[in-house]
Amino acid sequence: MEWAILFIVFDLLAICFLLSRTDHVPATTAAKHLRNGALIIDVRTPPEFAASHLPNAVNIPVTGIPELVPVRLKDRNRVLLLHGLTGVRSALAMKILHDLGYANAFNLGSYQRAAHIASGR
């Protein structure tokens, strides 16, 4: 019984890892979007955001995406670049935004990757 639980947990972690890696916007595309005024949305919790965040990023936790984004961002064509700590929450946020009609929402992935892209290095 314990082995079955371990296998299930391992499978779920593997799925989350793969989902967070397969939908990243290419770094060159993300950098181009940033130069053209894309909005960076940090989907982590407010305490995570307060601890450290990218300049000019706005904090909309993934749990608040369905309610807050339509109120704050009326332009559904605006380019939105999403990131979380590891990229899992930003992948989920991207799916939610696409379902809400925001076709130009892209997953930057992890905070580290987003910081690297935003810094232009």
Protein backbone atom coordinates (compact mmCIF):
# COMPACT_ATOMS: atom_id res chain seq x y z
CA MET A 1 0.00 0.00 0.00
CA GLU A 2 2.81 2.43 0.88
CA TRP A 3 4.56 1.71 -2.43
CA ALA A 4 1.38 2.48 -4.36
CA ILE A 5 1.09 5.86 -2.66
CA LEU A 6 4.74 6.63 -3.40
CA PHE A 7 4.26 5.75 -7.07
CA ILE A 8 1.16 7.95 -7.30
CA VAL A 9 2.96 10.87 -5.67
CA PHE A 10 5.96 10.40 -7.95
CA ASP A 11 3.70 10.28 -11.03
CA LEU A 12 1.92 13.47 -9.99
CA LEU A 13 5.21 15.27 -9.42
CA ALA A 14 6.50 14.10 -12.79
CA ILE A 15 3.36 15.33 -14.53
CA CYS A 16 3.63 18.73 -12.82
CA PHE A 17 7.30 18.97 -13.79
CA LEU A 18 6.59 18.11 -17.42
CA LEU A 19 3.67 20.51 -17.65
CA SER A 20 5.78 23.33 -16.27
CA ARG A 21 8.53 22.71 -18.85
CA THR A 22 6.61 22.08 -22.05
CA ASP A 23 4.78 25.34 -22.52
CA HIS A 24 7.47 27.98 -21.91
CA VAL A 25 7.56 30.85 -24.33
CA PRO A 26 10.97 30.98 -26.04
CA ALA A 27 13.30 33.46 -24.32
CA THR A 28 13.84 35.50 -27.49
CA THR A 29 10.08 35.81 -28.04
CA ALA A 30 9.53 36.82 -24.41
CA ALA A 31 12.28 39.45 -24.62
CA LYS A 32 10.69 40.88 -27.76
CA HIS A 33 7.30 41.04 -26.02
CA LEU A 34 8.90 42.83 -23.07
CA ARG A 35 10.49 45.43 -25.36
CA ASN A 36 7.03 45.98 -26.86
CA GLY A 37 5.33 46.62 -23.51
CA ALA A 38 4.17 43.22 -22.31
CA LEU A 39 2.92 43.01 -18.75
CA ILE A 40 4.69 40.62 -16.36
CA ILE A 41 2.30 38.93 -13.96
CA ASP A 42 3.77 37.19 -10.92
CA VAL A 43 1.26 34.48 -9.95
CA ARG A 44 2.88 33.65 -6.61
CA THR A 45 1.30 34.48 -3.25
CA PRO A 46 1.54 38.03 -1.86
CA PRO A 47 4.15 37.00 0.77
CA GLU A 48 6.32 35.42 -1.95
CA PHE A 49 5.94 38.55 -4.07
CA ALA A 50 6.81 40.81 -1.12
CA ALA A 51 9.97 38.80 -0.44
CA SER A 52 11.28 39.43 -3.97
CA HIS A 53 9.83 40.30 -7.33
CA LEU A 54 10.77 41.58 -10.75
CA PRO A 55 10.67 45.32 -11.39
CA ASN A 56 7.39 46.36 -13.01
CA ALA A 57 5.75 42.99 -12.30
CA VAL A 58 2.24 42.94 -10.89
CA ASN A 59 1.14 40.34 -8.39
CA ILE A 60 -2.03 38.44 -9.19
CA PRO A 61 -1.95 35.09 -7.39
CA VAL A 62 -3.05 32.16 -9.52
CA THR A 63 -6.08 31.69 -7.26
CA GLY A 64 -7.24 35.23 -8.07
CA ILE A 65 -6.76 35.09 -11.84
CA PRO A 66 -10.41 34.34 -12.78
CA GLU A 67 -11.79 37.21 -10.68
CA LEU A 68 -9.06 39.85 -10.81
CA VAL A 69 -7.70 39.79 -14.36
CA PRO A 70 -10.99 40.60 -16.14
CA VAL A 71 -11.47 43.56 -13.78
CA ARG A 72 -7.88 44.87 -14.03
CA LEU A 73 -7.14 44.06 -17.68
CA LYS A 74 -9.95 44.85 -20.07
CA ASP A 75 -7.76 44.45 -23.17
CA ARG A 76 -7.84 40.72 -23.90
CA ASN A 77 -5.22 41.22 -26.65
CA ARG A 78 -2.54 42.55 -24.30
CA VAL A 79 0.55 40.36 -24.09
CA LEU A 80 0.82 38.86 -20.61
CA LEU A 81 3.98 37.12 -19.44
CA LEU A 82 3.35 34.90 -16.43
CA HIS A 83 5.77 33.43 -13.95
CA GLY A 84 5.66 31.61 -10.63
CA LEU A 85 8.32 30.11 -8.44
CA THR A 86 8.87 26.98 -10.54
CA GLY A 87 6.55 27.44 -13.51
CA VAL A 88 3.74 25.12 -12.43
CA ARG A 89 1.41 27.88 -11.20
CA SER A 90 2.17 30.04 -14.23
CA ALA A 91 1.26 27.12 -16.52
CA LEU A 92 -2.06 26.81 -14.70
CA ALA A 93 -2.58 30.59 -14.85
CA MET A 94 -1.92 30.57 -18.60
CA LYS A 95 -4.58 27.91 -19.13
CA ILE A 96 -7.08 29.87 -17.04
CA LEU A 97 -6.33 33.07 -18.99
CA HIS A 98 -6.69 31.30 -22.33
CA ASP A 99 -10.05 29.96 -21.16
CA LEU A 100 -11.04 33.55 -20.29
CA GLY A 101 -10.15 34.72 -23.80
CA TYR A 102 -6.66 36.14 -23.19
CA ALA A 103 -4.96 34.55 -26.20
CA ASN A 104 -1.67 36.40 -25.68
CA ALA A 105 -0.86 34.97 -22.25
CA PHE A 106 2.50 33.21 -22.18
CA ASN A 107 4.31 31.18 -19.53
CA LEU A 108 7.77 32.50 -18.67
CA GLY A 109 8.19 29.62 -16.23
CA SER A 110 10.16 29.99 -13.03
CA TYR A 111 11.08 33.17 -11.21
CA GLN A 112 14.74 32.54 -12.09
CA ARG A 113 13.99 32.17 -15.80
CA ALA A 114 11.75 35.24 -15.79
CA ALA A 115 14.43 37.32 -14.02
CA HIS A 116 17.03 36.18 -16.54
CA ILE A 117 14.80 37.12 -19.50
CA ALA A 118 13.70 40.44 -17.94
CA SER A 119 17.30 41.44 -17.26
CA GLY A 120 18.15 41.09 -20.94
CA ARG A 121 21.13 38.81 -20.31
